[in-house]
Amino acid sequence: KEEALEALQVVRQECHGDAARTAGGSGATRKCT
């Protein structure tokens, strides 16, 4: 179960990163002052 949790944490973080890049548009890093 520990290995399963670790794997799912990696997957969720990757998916979250994809969603953030999509929301930001064309994968660009957010720029602000």
Full PDB file with SEQRES, HELIX, SHEET, SSBOND, CRYST1, ORIGX, SCALE, CONECT and MASTER records, all heavy atoms in Angstrom:
SEQRES   1 A   33  LYS GLU GLU ALA LEU GLU ALA LEU GLN VAL VAL ARG GLN          
SEQRES   2 A   33  GLU CYS HIS GLY ASP ALA ALA ARG THR ALA GLY GLY SER          
SEQRES   3 A   33  GLY ALA THR ARG LYS CYS THR                                  
HELIX    1 AA1 GLU A    2  GLY A   24  1                                  23    
CRYST1    1.000    1.000    1.000  90.00  90.00  90.00 P 1           1          
ORIGX1      1.000000  0.000000  0.000000        0.00000                         
ORIGX2      0.000000  1.000000  0.000000        0.00000                         
ORIGX3      0.000000  0.000000  1.000000        0.00000                         
SCALE1      1.000000  0.000000  0.000000        0.00000                         
SCALE2      0.000000  1.000000  0.000000        0.00000                         
SCALE3      0.000000  0.000000  1.000000        0.00000                         
ATOM      1  N   LYS A   1       0.834  -1.209   0.000  1.00  0.00           N  
ATOM      2  CA  LYS A   1       0.000   0.000   0.000  1.00  0.00           C  
ATOM      3  C   LYS A   1       0.865   1.254   0.000  1.00  0.00           C  
ATOM      4  O   LYS A   1       0.502   2.275  -0.587  1.00  0.00           O  
ATOM      5  CB  LYS A   1      -0.925  -0.005   1.214  1.00  0.00           C  
ATOM      6  CG  LYS A   1      -2.008  -1.076   1.154  1.00  0.00           C  
ATOM      7  CD  LYS A   1      -2.903  -1.017   2.371  1.00  0.00           C  
ATOM      8  CE  LYS A   1      -3.991  -2.093   2.317  1.00  0.00           C  
ATOM      9  NZ  LYS A   1      -4.858  -2.066   3.513  1.00  0.00           N  
ATOM     10  N   GLU A   2       2.024   1.180   0.694  1.00  0.00           N  
ATOM     11  CA  GLU A   2       2.926   2.332   0.720  1.00  0.00           C  
ATOM     12  C   GLU A   2       3.422   2.661  -0.680  1.00  0.00           C  
ATOM     13  O   GLU A   2       3.445   3.832  -1.092  1.00  0.00           O  
ATOM     14  CB  GLU A   2       4.118   2.052   1.648  1.00  0.00           C  
ATOM     15  CG  GLU A   2       3.748   1.914   3.111  1.00  0.00           C  
ATOM     16  CD  GLU A   2       3.471   0.467   3.496  1.00  0.00           C  
ATOM     17  OE1 GLU A   2       3.063  -0.316   2.597  1.00  0.00           O  
ATOM     18  OE2 GLU A   2       3.652   0.122   4.669  1.00  0.00           O  
ATOM     19  N   GLU A   3       3.828   1.626  -1.437  1.00  0.00           N  
ATOM     20  CA  GLU A   3       4.303   1.844  -2.801  1.00  0.00           C  
ATOM     21  C   GLU A   3       3.181   2.353  -3.697  1.00  0.00           C  
ATOM     22  O   GLU A   3       3.409   3.203  -4.575  1.00  0.00           O  
ATOM     23  CB  GLU A   3       4.878   0.539  -3.355  1.00  0.00           C  
ATOM     24  CG  GLU A   3       6.170   0.100  -2.687  1.00  0.00           C  
ATOM     25  CD  GLU A   3       6.603  -1.300  -3.109  1.00  0.00           C  
ATOM     26  OE1 GLU A   3       5.716  -2.169  -3.271  1.00  0.00           O  
ATOM     27  OE2 GLU A   3       7.811  -1.507  -3.289  1.00  0.00           O  
ATOM     28  N   ALA A   4       1.960   1.849  -3.484  1.00  0.00           N  
ATOM     29  CA  ALA A   4       0.821   2.316  -4.273  1.00  0.00           C  
ATOM     30  C   ALA A   4       0.530   3.782  -4.002  1.00  0.00           C  
ATOM     31  O   ALA A   4       0.285   4.572  -4.922  1.00  0.00           O  
ATOM     32  CB  ALA A   4      -0.412   1.464  -3.960  1.00  0.00           C  
ATOM     33  N   LEU A   5       0.580   4.179  -2.719  1.00  0.00           N  
ATOM     34  CA  LEU A   5       0.347   5.576  -2.360  1.00  0.00           C  
ATOM     35  C   LEU A   5       1.416   6.475  -2.976  1.00  0.00           C  
ATOM     36  O   LEU A   5       1.112   7.555  -3.494  1.00  0.00           O  
ATOM     37  CB  LEU A   5       0.351   5.722  -0.830  1.00  0.00           C  
ATOM     38  CG  LEU A   5      -0.935   5.340  -0.107  1.00  0.00           C  
ATOM     39  CD1 LEU A   5      -0.694   5.207   1.377  1.00  0.00           C  
ATOM     40  CD2 LEU A   5      -2.022   6.366  -0.377  1.00  0.00           C  
ATOM     41  N   GLU A   6       2.663   6.024  -2.910  1.00  0.00           N  
ATOM     42  CA  GLU A   6       3.756   6.823  -3.466  1.00  0.00           C  
ATOM     43  C   GLU A   6       3.578   7.014  -4.965  1.00  0.00           C  
ATOM     44  O   GLU A   6       3.760   8.114  -5.498  1.00  0.00           O  
ATOM     45  CB  GLU A   6       5.089   6.144  -3.167  1.00  0.00           C  
ATOM     46  CG  GLU A   6       6.297   6.984  -3.543  1.00  0.00           C  
ATOM     47  CD  GLU A   6       7.605   6.312  -3.175  1.00  0.00           C  
ATOM     48  OE1 GLU A   6       7.570   5.178  -2.642  1.00  0.00           O  
ATOM     49  OE2 GLU A   6       8.664   6.904  -3.439  1.00  0.00           O  
ATOM     50  N   ALA A   7       3.202   5.939  -5.661  1.00  0.00           N  
ATOM     51  CA  ALA A   7       2.994   6.021  -7.102  1.00  0.00           C  
ATOM     52  C   ALA A   7       1.836   6.960  -7.445  1.00  0.00           C  
ATOM     53  O   ALA A   7       1.929   7.784  -8.371  1.00  0.00           O  
ATOM     54  CB  ALA A   7       2.729   4.627  -7.665  1.00  0.00           C  
ATOM     55  N   LEU A   8       0.750   6.862  -6.693  1.00  0.00           N  
ATOM     56  CA  LEU A   8      -0.416   7.711  -6.963  1.00  0.00           C  
ATOM     57  C   LEU A   8      -0.131   9.174  -6.657  1.00  0.00           C  
ATOM     58  O   LEU A   8      -0.689  10.069  -7.305  1.00  0.00           O  
ATOM     59  CB  LEU A   8      -1.612   7.209  -6.155  1.00  0.00           C  
ATOM     60  CG  LEU A   8      -2.206   5.881  -6.657  1.00  0.00           C  
ATOM     61  CD1 LEU A   8      -3.253   5.363  -5.686  1.00  0.00           C  
ATOM     62  CD2 LEU A   8      -2.803   6.038  -8.042  1.00  0.00           C  
ATOM     63  N   GLN A   9       0.712   9.427  -5.656  1.00  0.00           N  
ATOM     64  CA  GLN A   9       1.101  10.807  -5.374  1.00  0.00           C  
ATOM     65  C   GLN A   9       1.847  11.400  -6.567  1.00  0.00           C  
ATOM     66  O   GLN A   9       1.613  12.546  -6.950  1.00  0.00           O  
ATOM     67  CB  GLN A   9       1.973  10.859  -4.117  1.00  0.00           C  
ATOM     68  CG  GLN A   9       1.196  10.688  -2.824  1.00  0.00           C  
ATOM     69  CD  GLN A   9       2.105  10.603  -1.610  1.00  0.00           C  
ATOM     70  OE1 GLN A   9       3.310  10.412  -1.732  1.00  0.00           O  
ATOM     71  NE2 GLN A   9       1.531  10.717  -0.433  1.00  0.00           N  
ATOM     72  N   VAL A  10       2.743  10.612  -7.169  1.00  0.00           N  
ATOM     73  CA  VAL A  10       3.481  11.077  -8.348  1.00  0.00           C  
ATOM     74  C   VAL A  10       2.515  11.367  -9.496  1.00  0.00           C  
ATOM     75  O   VAL A  10       2.598  12.405 -10.155  1.00  0.00           O  
ATOM     76  CB  VAL A  10       4.524  10.017  -8.778  1.00  0.00           C  
ATOM     77  CG1 VAL A  10       5.144  10.390 -10.127  1.00  0.00           C  
ATOM     78  CG2 VAL A  10       5.613   9.886  -7.723  1.00  0.00           C  
ATOM     79  N   VAL A  11       1.566  10.462  -9.724  1.00  0.00           N  
ATOM     80  CA  VAL A  11       0.617  10.624 -10.814  1.00  0.00           C  
ATOM     81  C   VAL A  11      -0.244  11.866 -10.605  1.00  0.00           C  
ATOM     82  O   VAL A  11      -0.459  12.657 -11.532  1.00  0.00           O  
ATOM     83  CB  VAL A  11      -0.272   9.366 -10.942  1.00  0.00           C  
ATOM     84  CG1 VAL A  11      -1.372   9.596 -11.971  1.00  0.00           C  
ATOM     85  CG2 VAL A  11       0.564   8.156 -11.334  1.00  0.00           C  
ATOM     86  N   ARG A  12      -0.756  12.031  -9.375  1.00  0.00           N  
ATOM     87  CA  ARG A  12      -1.621  13.189  -9.099  1.00  0.00           C  
ATOM     88  C   ARG A  12      -0.852  14.497  -9.280  1.00  0.00           C  
ATOM     89  O   ARG A  12      -1.373  15.467  -9.836  1.00  0.00           O  
ATOM     90  CB  ARG A  12      -2.201  13.097  -7.686  1.00  0.00           C  
ATOM     91  CG  ARG A  12      -3.125  14.264  -7.346  1.00  0.00           C  
ATOM     92  CD  ARG A  12      -3.798  14.068  -6.004  1.00  0.00           C  
ATOM     93  NE  ARG A  12      -4.881  13.103  -6.083  1.00  0.00           N  
ATOM     94  CZ  ARG A  12      -6.110  13.400  -6.455  1.00  0.00           C  
ATOM     95  NH1 ARG A  12      -6.417  14.635  -6.814  1.00  0.00           N  
ATOM     96  NH2 ARG A  12      -7.043  12.484  -6.488  1.00  0.00           N  
ATOM     97  N   GLN A  13       0.405  14.554  -8.825  1.00  0.00           N  
ATOM     98  CA  GLN A  13       1.199  15.773  -8.973  1.00  0.00           C  
ATOM     99  C   GLN A  13       1.468  16.082 -10.434  1.00  0.00           C  
ATOM    100  O   GLN A  13       1.440  17.242 -10.852  1.00  0.00           O  
ATOM    101  CB  GLN A  13       2.509  15.625  -8.198  1.00  0.00           C  
ATOM    102  CG  GLN A  13       2.333  15.693  -6.691  1.00  0.00           C  
ATOM    103  CD  GLN A  13       3.583  15.309  -5.929  1.00  0.00           C  
ATOM    104  OE1 GLN A  13       4.672  15.238  -6.483  1.00  0.00           O  
ATOM    105  NE2 GLN A  13       3.445  15.056  -4.635  1.00  0.00           N  
ATOM    106  N   GLU A  14       1.718  15.043 -11.234  1.00  0.00           N  
ATOM    107  CA  GLU A  14       1.925  15.249 -12.663  1.00  0.00           C  
ATOM    108  C   GLU A  14       0.659  15.778 -13.330  1.00  0.00           C  
ATOM    109  O   GLU A  14       0.716  16.709 -14.142  1.00  0.00           O  
ATOM    110  CB  GLU A  14       2.346  13.927 -13.319  1.00  0.00           C  
ATOM    111  CG  GLU A  14       3.779  13.524 -13.054  1.00  0.00           C  
ATOM    112  CD  GLU A  14       4.780  14.456 -13.707  1.00  0.00           C  
ATOM    113  OE1 GLU A  14       4.618  14.766 -14.895  1.00  0.00           O  
ATOM    114  OE2 GLU A  14       5.708  14.902 -13.004  1.00  0.00           O  
ATOM    115  N   CYS A  15      -0.479  15.197 -12.976  1.00  0.00           N  
ATOM    116  CA  CYS A  15      -1.751  15.649 -13.551  1.00  0.00           C  
ATOM    117  C   CYS A  15      -2.073  17.065 -13.124  1.00  0.00           C  
ATOM    118  O   CYS A  15      -2.610  17.872 -13.902  1.00  0.00           O  
ATOM    119  CB  CYS A  15      -2.877  14.694 -13.162  1.00  0.00           C  
ATOM    120  SG  CYS A  15      -2.737  13.054 -13.910  1.00  0.00           S  
ATOM    121  N   HIS A  16      -1.752  17.385 -11.869  1.00  0.00           N  
ATOM    122  CA  HIS A  16      -1.982  18.751 -11.380  1.00  0.00           C  
ATOM    123  C   HIS A  16      -1.109  19.743 -12.145  1.00  0.00           C  
ATOM    124  O   HIS A  16      -1.553  20.830 -12.511  1.00  0.00           O  
ATOM    125  CB  HIS A  16      -1.673  18.833  -9.887  1.00  0.00           C  
ATOM    126  CG  HIS A  16      -1.884  20.207  -9.314  1.00  0.00           C  
ATOM    127  ND1 HIS A  16      -0.867  21.150  -9.257  1.00  0.00           N  
ATOM    128  CD2 HIS A  16      -2.976  20.802  -8.781  1.00  0.00           C  
ATOM    129  CE1 HIS A  16      -1.334  22.262  -8.716  1.00  0.00           C  
ATOM    130  NE2 HIS A  16      -2.599  22.083  -8.424  1.00  0.00           N  
ATOM    131  N   GLY A  17       0.133  19.354 -12.422  1.00  0.00           N  
ATOM    132  CA  GLY A  17       1.011  20.217 -13.198  1.00  0.00           C  
ATOM    133  C   GLY A  17       0.504  20.434 -14.606  1.00  0.00           C  
ATOM    134  O   GLY A  17       0.566  21.539 -15.146  1.00  0.00           O  
ATOM    135  N   ASP A  18      -0.043  19.372 -15.210  1.00  0.00           N  
ATOM    136  CA  ASP A  18      -0.620  19.495 -16.545  1.00  0.00           C  
ATOM    137  C   ASP A  18      -1.788  20.468 -16.552  1.00  0.00           C  
ATOM    138  O   ASP A  18      -1.921  21.309 -17.441  1.00  0.00           O  
ATOM    139  CB  ASP A  18      -1.099  18.132 -17.045  1.00  0.00           C  
ATOM    140  CG  ASP A  18       0.070  17.205 -17.379  1.00  0.00           C  
ATOM    141  OD1 ASP A  18       1.204  17.707 -17.476  1.00  0.00           O  
ATOM    142  OD2 ASP A  18      -0.163  15.988 -17.512  1.00  0.00           O  
ATOM    143  N   ALA A  19      -2.651  20.350 -15.517  1.00  0.00           N  
ATOM    144  CA  ALA A  19      -3.822  21.229 -15.436  1.00  0.00           C  
ATOM    145  C   ALA A  19      -3.402  22.681 -15.269  1.00  0.00           C  
ATOM    146  O   ALA A  19      -3.987  23.590 -15.864  1.00  0.00           O  
ATOM    147  CB  ALA A  19      -4.723  20.796 -14.277  1.00  0.00           C  
ATOM    148  N   ALA A  20      -2.367  22.895 -14.444  1.00  0.00           N  
ATOM    149  CA  ALA A  20      -1.895  24.267 -14.219  1.00  0.00           C  
ATOM    150  C   ALA A  20      -1.317  24.863 -15.498  1.00  0.00           C  
ATOM    151  O   ALA A  20      -1.554  26.023 -15.826  1.00  0.00           O  
ATOM    152  CB  ALA A  20      -0.846  24.279 -13.107  1.00  0.00           C  
ATOM    153  N   ARG A  21      -0.564  24.038 -16.264  1.00  0.00           N  
ATOM    154  CA  ARG A  21       0.014  24.538 -17.510  1.00  0.00           C  
ATOM    155  C   ARG A  21      -1.075  24.831 -18.544  1.00  0.00           C  
ATOM    156  O   ARG A  21      -0.998  25.803 -19.295  1.00  0.00           O  
ATOM    157  CB  ARG A  21       1.022  23.531 -18.059  1.00  0.00           C  
ATOM    158  CG  ARG A  21       2.329  23.493 -17.269  1.00  0.00           C  
ATOM    159  CD  ARG A  21       3.358  22.640 -17.981  1.00  0.00           C  
ATOM    160  NE  ARG A  21       3.011  21.225 -17.934  1.00  0.00           N  
ATOM    161  CZ  ARG A  21       3.366  20.405 -16.957  1.00  0.00           C  
ATOM    162  NH1 ARG A  21       4.063  20.871 -15.933  1.00  0.00           N  
ATOM    163  NH2 ARG A  21       3.045  19.128 -16.988  1.00  0.00           N  
ATOM    164  N   THR A  22      -2.100  23.974 -18.570  1.00  0.00           N  
ATOM    165  CA  THR A  22      -3.212  24.196 -19.505  1.00  0.00           C  
ATOM    166  C   THR A  22      -3.957  25.482 -19.165  1.00  0.00           C  
ATOM    167  O   THR A  22      -4.307  26.275 -20.040  1.00  0.00           O  
ATOM    168  CB  THR A  22      -4.190  23.006 -19.467  1.00  0.00           C  
ATOM    169  OG1 THR A  22      -3.485  21.816 -19.823  1.00  0.00           O  
ATOM    170  CG2 THR A  22      -5.345  23.234 -20.426  1.00  0.00           C  
ATOM    171  N   ALA A  23      -4.184  25.698 -17.857  1.00  0.00           N  
ATOM    172  CA  ALA A  23      -4.885  26.910 -17.427  1.00  0.00           C  
ATOM    173  C   ALA A  23      -4.068  28.151 -17.743  1.00  0.00           C  
ATOM    174  O   ALA A  23      -4.600  29.209 -18.047  1.00  0.00           O  
ATOM    175  CB  ALA A  23      -5.178  26.841 -15.928  1.00  0.00           C  
ATOM    176  N   GLY A  24      -2.739  28.016 -17.675  1.00  0.00           N  
ATOM    177  CA  GLY A  24      -1.877  29.160 -17.941  1.00  0.00           C  
ATOM    178  C   GLY A  24      -1.742  29.478 -19.418  1.00  0.00           C  
ATOM    179  O   GLY A  24      -1.300  30.554 -19.792  1.00  0.00           O  
ATOM    180  N   GLY A  25      -2.111  28.514 -20.261  1.00  0.00           N  
ATOM    181  CA  GLY A  25      -2.056  28.758 -21.694  1.00  0.00           C  
ATOM    182  C   GLY A  25      -0.725  28.369 -22.297  1.00  0.00           C  
ATOM    183  O   GLY A  25       0.314  28.876 -21.909  1.00  0.00           O  
ATOM    184  N   SER A  26      -0.748  27.465 -23.234  1.00  0.00           N  
ATOM    185  CA  SER A  26       0.405  27.022 -24.028  1.00  0.00           C  
ATOM    186  C   SER A  26       1.599  26.633 -23.179  1.00  0.00           C  
ATOM    187  O   SER A  26       2.737  26.768 -23.595  1.00  0.00           O  
ATOM    188  CB  SER A  26       0.823  28.124 -25.024  1.00  0.00           C  
ATOM    189  OG  SER A  26       1.330  29.258 -24.332  1.00  0.00           O  
ATOM    190  N   GLY A  27       1.358  26.201 -21.925  1.00  0.00           N  
ATOM    191  CA  GLY A  27       2.434  25.685 -21.097  1.00  0.00           C  
ATOM    192  C   GLY A  27       3.384  26.749 -20.596  1.00  0.00           C  
ATOM    193  O   GLY A  27       4.457  26.439 -20.091  1.00  0.00           O  
ATOM    194  N   ALA A  28       3.073  28.020 -20.766  1.00  0.00           N  
ATOM    195  CA  ALA A  28       3.989  29.076 -20.361  1.00  0.00           C  
ATOM    196  C   ALA A  28       4.009  29.238 -18.856  1.00  0.00           C  
ATOM    197  O   ALA A  28       2.995  29.099 -18.185  1.00  0.00           O  
ATOM    198  CB  ALA A  28       3.570  30.399 -21.018  1.00  0.00           C  
ATOM    199  N   THR A  29       5.193  29.553 -18.339  1.00  0.00           N  
ATOM    200  CA  THR A  29       5.325  29.831 -16.921  1.00  0.00           C  
ATOM    201  C   THR A  29       4.614  31.142 -16.596  1.00  0.00           C  
ATOM    202  O   THR A  29       4.728  32.121 -17.344  1.00  0.00           O  
ATOM    203  CB  THR A  29       6.810  29.939 -16.535  1.00  0.00           C  
ATOM    204  OG1 THR A  29       7.449  28.711 -16.872  1.00  0.00           O  
ATOM    205  CG2 THR A  29       6.964  30.202 -15.044  1.00  0.00           C  
ATOM    206  N   ARG A  30       3.917  31.150 -15.484  1.00  0.00           N  
ATOM    207  CA  ARG A  30       3.187  32.351 -15.102  1.00  0.00           C  
ATOM    208  C   ARG A  30       4.150  33.474 -14.782  1.00  0.00           C  
ATOM    209  O   ARG A  30       5.123  33.298 -14.066  1.00  0.00           O  
ATOM    210  CB  ARG A  30       2.330  32.051 -13.882  1.00  0.00           C  
ATOM    211  CG  ARG A  30       1.570  33.272 -13.375  1.00  0.00           C  
ATOM    212  CD  ARG A  30       1.029  33.036 -11.985  1.00  0.00           C  
ATOM    213  NE  ARG A  30       0.401  34.226 -11.456  1.00  0.00           N  
ATOM    214  CZ  ARG A  30       0.170  34.434 -10.167  1.00  0.00           C  
ATOM    215  NH1 ARG A  30       0.534  33.529  -9.293  1.00  0.00           N  
ATOM    216  NH2 ARG A  30      -0.422  35.520  -9.758  1.00  0.00           N  
ATOM    217  N   LYS A  31       3.869  34.657 -15.325  1.00  0.00           N  
ATOM    218  CA  LYS A  31       4.692  35.834 -15.067  1.00  0.00           C  
ATOM    219  C   LYS A  31       3.838  36.870 -14.358  1.00  0.00           C  
ATOM    220  O   LYS A  31       2.706  37.132 -14.735  1.00  0.00           O  
ATOM    221  CB  LYS A  31       5.237  36.414 -16.377  1.00  0.00           C  
ATOM    222  CG  LYS A  31       6.181  35.484 -17.134  1.00  0.00           C  
ATOM    223  CD  LYS A  31       6.698  36.146 -18.397  1.00  0.00           C  
ATOM    224  CE  LYS A  31       7.644  35.218 -19.151  1.00  0.00           C  
ATOM    225  NZ  LYS A  31       6.966  34.022 -19.671  1.00  0.00           N  
ATOM    226  N   CYS A  32       4.390  37.445 -13.313  1.00  0.00           N  
ATOM    227  CA  CYS A  32       3.683  38.504 -12.593  1.00  0.00           C  
ATOM    228  C   CYS A  32       4.711  39.363 -11.887  1.00  0.00           C  
ATOM    229  O   CYS A  32       5.874  38.984 -11.731  1.00  0.00           O  
ATOM    230  CB  CYS A  32       2.684  37.919 -11.594  1.00  0.00           C  
ATOM    231  SG  CYS A  32       3.438  36.892 -10.325  1.00  0.00           S  
ATOM    232  N   THR A  33       4.265  40.517 -11.438  1.00  0.00           N  
ATOM    233  CA  THR A  33       5.167  41.429 -10.733  1.00  0.00           C  
ATOM    234  C   THR A  33       5.075  41.204  -9.233  1.00  0.00           C  
ATOM    235  O   THR A  33       4.146  40.560  -8.730  1.00  0.00           O  
ATOM    236  CB  THR A  33       4.799  42.886 -11.045  1.00  0.00           C  
ATOM    237  OG1 THR A  33       3.490  43.157 -10.480  1.00  0.00           O  
ATOM    238  CG2 THR A  33       4.767  43.132 -12.549  1.00  0.00           C  
TER     239      THR A  33                                                      
MASTER        0    0    0    1    0    0    0    6  238    1    0    3          
END                                                                             
